[in-house]
Amino acid sequence: IKAVDKCIKEKVDFIIIAGDLFNTSFPRLDNLKSVVSKFKQLKDLEIPVYIVPGSHDYSPSGKTILDVLEEAGLFVNVFNKGIVENGKLKLTFTIDKKTGTKITGMLGKRGTLERTYYEKLIIDNLEKEDGYKIFIFHSGIDELKPKEMENIISQPLSLLPKGFDYYAGGHVHIVEDKQIEGYGRIAYPGPLFPNSFAELEKLER
């Protein structure tokens, strides 16, 4: 709620959520009510929200509360715009109407099982697209992983499509903002809710 209030106060053009909007694919009703209320406020203010499902949002059945909220027009799940062609995954861009920003992204799955999706991803159309582009992802990246997280399953940077202006990362609880040659600016904002006292002290949230 505080994060949304801050976005409204700063008059952002749009909001990106890189997975794990909820801690489960079917959240408690009281949590759902709070989230729907804030997203309705954003919708009324014409501040669009773009998301990908995270490892907690994901459901093996493919059915989650995210589908219901998207159907209600509260946000756009950019991963849902993808299609399968000859056994390969082809992502398409969602274009933000106000800024013209082109947004796409990859979902996250438990145990970093989304890696198989990346390995089947068609990247030519993504890398050749012109304009300002954002890629949303929910995975740890080997090259950006801090030493204290060396045992966490992650994937190599090379699996991400190149040439995007901004990569919005989720999943790992780190704060990182780095420009990487051949890719662009890769940012992890850190968690809104630290899951340990160590994180609470480190992130000062």
Protein backbone atom coordinates (compact mmCIF):
# COMPACT_ATOMS: atom_id res chain seq x y z
CA ILE A 1 0.00 0.00 0.00
CA LYS A 2 2.81 2.40 0.87
CA ALA A 3 4.61 1.62 -2.39
CA VAL A 4 1.51 2.43 -4.43
CA ASP A 5 0.93 5.63 -2.45
CA LYS A 6 4.51 6.70 -3.20
CA CYS A 7 4.06 6.00 -6.91
CA ILE A 8 0.90 8.10 -6.94
CA LYS A 9 2.61 10.93 -5.08
CA GLU A 10 5.53 10.93 -7.55
CA LYS A 11 3.10 10.86 -10.50
CA VAL A 12 4.74 7.93 -12.28
CA ASP A 13 3.75 7.10 -15.86
CA PHE A 14 3.33 3.40 -15.11
CA ILE A 15 4.25 0.72 -12.56
CA ILE A 16 6.15 -2.53 -13.12
CA ILE A 17 5.82 -5.56 -10.83
CA ALA A 18 8.44 -8.24 -11.51
CA GLY A 19 6.54 -11.13 -9.95
CA ASP A 20 5.26 -12.21 -6.54
CA LEU A 21 2.45 -9.73 -6.19
CA PHE A 22 1.14 -12.29 -3.71
CA ASN A 23 2.87 -15.00 -1.68
CA THR A 24 0.59 -17.68 -3.11
CA SER A 25 -1.43 -18.25 -6.29
CA PHE A 26 -4.63 -17.92 -4.24
CA PRO A 27 -4.13 -15.29 -1.51
CA ARG A 28 -6.23 -14.67 1.59
CA LEU A 29 -9.36 -12.60 0.98
CA ASP A 30 -8.30 -9.77 3.29
CA ASN A 31 -4.99 -9.39 1.41
CA LEU A 32 -6.80 -9.60 -1.91
CA LYS A 33 -9.26 -6.91 -0.85
CA SER A 34 -6.44 -4.49 0.03
CA VAL A 35 -4.63 -5.10 -3.24
CA VAL A 36 -7.76 -4.72 -5.37
CA SER A 37 -8.58 -1.44 -3.61
CA LYS A 38 -5.16 0.06 -4.39
CA PHE A 39 -5.13 -1.21 -7.98
CA LYS A 40 -8.60 0.26 -8.50
CA GLN A 41 -7.20 3.58 -7.30
CA LEU A 42 -4.37 3.32 -9.86
CA LYS A 43 -6.84 2.48 -12.60
CA ASP A 44 -9.00 5.49 -11.73
CA LEU A 45 -5.88 7.69 -11.92
CA GLU A 46 -4.99 6.13 -15.28
CA ILE A 47 -1.66 4.75 -14.02
CA PRO A 48 -1.22 1.39 -15.80
CA VAL A 49 0.48 -1.57 -14.13
CA TYR A 50 2.51 -4.18 -16.02
CA ILE A 51 3.45 -7.48 -14.38
CA VAL A 52 4.81 -10.97 -14.87
CA PRO A 53 3.89 -13.86 -12.55
CA GLY A 54 6.53 -14.77 -9.99
CA SER A 55 7.53 -18.05 -8.40
CA HIS A 56 4.87 -17.58 -5.69
CA ASP A 57 2.18 -16.33 -8.07
CA TYR A 58 2.73 -19.25 -10.42
CA SER A 59 0.42 -22.27 -10.32
CA PRO A 60 1.08 -25.60 -12.10
CA SER A 61 -2.58 -25.59 -13.18
CA GLY A 62 -1.99 -22.28 -14.93
CA LYS A 63 -4.91 -20.72 -13.04
CA THR A 64 -4.25 -17.98 -10.48
CA ILE A 65 -5.95 -14.94 -9.03
CA LEU A 66 -3.78 -12.85 -11.36
CA ASP A 67 -6.00 -13.93 -14.25
CA VAL A 68 -9.08 -12.64 -12.45
CA LEU A 69 -7.49 -9.29 -11.65
CA GLU A 70 -6.22 -8.88 -15.21
CA GLU A 71 -9.70 -9.66 -16.56
CA ALA A 72 -10.99 -6.86 -14.31
CA GLY A 73 -8.59 -4.48 -16.05
CA LEU A 74 -6.43 -3.81 -12.99
CA PHE A 75 -3.13 -4.63 -14.72
CA VAL A 76 -1.59 -6.25 -17.79
CA ASN A 77 0.29 -9.54 -17.51
CA VAL A 78 2.79 -9.00 -20.34
CA PHE A 79 3.87 -12.65 -20.36
CA ASN A 80 0.33 -13.65 -21.35
CA LYS A 81 0.86 -11.91 -24.68
CA GLY A 82 3.29 -14.65 -25.72
CA ILE A 83 2.44 -17.41 -28.17
CA VAL A 84 3.92 -20.81 -29.03
CA GLU A 85 5.27 -21.31 -32.54
CA ASN A 86 6.66 -24.72 -33.57
CA GLY A 87 7.52 -25.59 -29.99
CA LYS A 88 9.21 -22.23 -29.41
CA LEU A 89 8.02 -19.36 -27.21
CA LYS A 90 7.49 -16.02 -28.94
CA LEU A 91 6.93 -13.00 -26.72
CA THR A 92 5.26 -9.90 -28.07
CA PHE A 93 5.37 -6.34 -26.80
CA THR A 94 2.76 -4.46 -24.82
CA ILE A 95 3.00 -0.77 -25.70
CA ASP A 96 2.34 1.80 -22.98
CA LYS A 97 -0.09 4.27 -24.53
CA LYS A 98 1.23 7.37 -22.78
CA THR A 99 4.98 6.91 -23.23
CA GLY A 100 5.25 4.49 -26.15
CA THR A 101 7.47 2.24 -24.04
CA LYS A 102 7.52 -1.35 -25.30
CA ILE A 103 7.25 -3.89 -22.49
CA THR A 104 7.53 -7.66 -22.39
CA GLY A 105 8.84 -10.24 -19.97
CA MET A 106 9.19 -13.75 -18.64
CA LEU A 107 7.35 -15.38 -15.74
CA GLY A 108 9.12 -17.01 -12.79
CA LYS A 109 8.58 -20.56 -11.56
CA ARG A 110 9.63 -22.34 -8.40
CA GLY A 111 13.18 -23.65 -8.45
CA THR A 112 14.03 -21.42 -11.41
CA LEU A 113 12.21 -23.86 -13.70
CA GLU A 114 11.48 -20.93 -16.00
CA ARG A 115 14.92 -21.59 -17.48
CA THR A 116 13.36 -24.07 -19.91
CA TYR A 117 11.15 -21.24 -21.17
CA TYR A 118 14.21 -19.08 -21.83
CA GLU A 119 15.89 -21.95 -23.67
CA LYS A 120 12.88 -22.14 -26.00
CA LEU A 121 12.53 -18.37 -26.35
CA ILE A 122 12.68 -16.78 -29.80
CA ILE A 123 14.87 -13.72 -29.31
CA ASP A 124 15.30 -12.27 -32.81
CA ASN A 125 12.05 -10.30 -32.75
CA LEU A 126 12.82 -8.99 -29.26
CA GLU A 127 16.35 -7.85 -30.00
CA LYS A 128 15.52 -6.31 -33.38
CA GLU A 129 12.57 -4.26 -32.12
CA ASP A 130 13.38 -0.55 -32.02
CA GLY A 131 12.21 2.05 -29.53
CA TYR A 132 12.55 2.16 -25.74
CA LYS A 133 12.17 -1.40 -24.44
CA ILE A 134 11.72 -2.91 -20.98
CA PHE A 135 12.14 -6.61 -20.16
CA ILE A 136 10.57 -7.81 -16.90
CA PHE A 137 11.98 -11.00 -15.40
CA HIS A 138 11.70 -13.00 -12.18
CA SER A 139 15.02 -14.82 -11.82
CA GLY A 140 18.37 -14.59 -10.12
CA ILE A 141 21.27 -13.79 -12.45
CA ASP A 142 24.62 -15.53 -11.87
CA GLU A 143 26.71 -12.46 -12.64
CA LEU A 144 24.74 -10.22 -10.24
CA LYS A 145 24.31 -12.65 -7.36
CA PRO A 146 26.02 -11.54 -4.12
CA LYS A 147 28.35 -13.95 -2.36
CA GLU A 148 25.93 -14.61 0.48
CA MET A 149 23.44 -15.94 -2.08
CA GLU A 150 25.86 -18.24 -3.91
CA ASN A 151 23.76 -21.31 -3.06
CA ILE A 152 20.59 -19.85 -4.54
CA ILE A 153 19.65 -21.32 -7.93
CA SER A 154 20.04 -18.72 -10.66
CA GLN A 155 20.74 -18.52 -14.37
CA PRO A 156 23.36 -16.91 -16.61
CA LEU A 157 22.85 -13.41 -17.95
CA SER A 158 23.22 -14.81 -21.47
CA LEU A 159 19.69 -16.26 -21.32
CA LEU A 160 18.18 -12.77 -21.32
CA PRO A 161 17.54 -11.15 -24.70
CA LYS A 162 20.03 -8.36 -25.43
CA GLY A 163 19.48 -4.76 -26.41
CA PHE A 164 16.79 -3.67 -23.97
CA ASP A 165 17.03 -0.28 -22.30
CA TYR A 166 15.86 -1.49 -18.91
CA TYR A 167 15.58 -4.90 -17.26
CA ALA A 168 13.25 -5.00 -14.25
CA GLY A 169 14.25 -7.91 -12.04
CA GLY A 170 12.44 -9.71 -9.26
CA HIS A 171 12.73 -12.87 -7.12
CA VAL A 172 16.07 -12.34 -5.36
CA HIS A 173 15.99 -9.97 -2.39
CA ILE A 174 18.81 -7.65 -3.41
CA VAL A 175 19.09 -4.01 -4.36
CA GLU A 176 21.08 -3.71 -7.57
CA ASP A 177 21.21 -1.20 -10.41
CA LYS A 178 23.90 -1.85 -12.99
CA GLN A 179 24.56 -0.94 -16.61
CA ILE A 180 25.85 -3.97 -18.51
CA GLU A 181 27.34 -3.69 -21.98
CA GLY A 182 25.25 -5.36 -24.66
CA TYR A 183 22.20 -5.46 -22.43
CA GLY A 184 21.28 -2.22 -20.69
CA ARG A 185 20.35 -1.13 -17.20
CA ILE A 186 19.51 -4.14 -15.02
CA ALA A 187 17.78 -3.32 -11.74
CA TYR A 188 16.57 -5.26 -8.73
CA PRO A 189 14.56 -2.99 -6.39
CA GLY A 190 14.72 -5.32 -3.38
CA PRO A 191 11.73 -6.69 -1.45
CA LEU A 192 8.92 -4.57 -0.07
CA PHE A 193 8.75 -7.04 2.83
CA PRO A 194 12.14 -8.45 3.96
CA ASN A 195 11.88 -12.10 5.00
CA SER A 196 14.53 -12.06 7.72
CA PHE A 197 16.07 -9.77 10.33
CA ALA A 198 19.29 -9.76 8.32
CA GLU A 199 17.43 -8.38 5.29
CA LEU A 200 15.63 -5.87 7.47
CA GLU A 201 18.95 -4.49 8.73
CA LYS A 202 20.66 -4.54 5.34
CA LEU A 203 17.84 -2.97 3.37
CA GLU A 204 16.73 -0.63 6.17
CA ARG A 205 13.05 -1.12 5.40
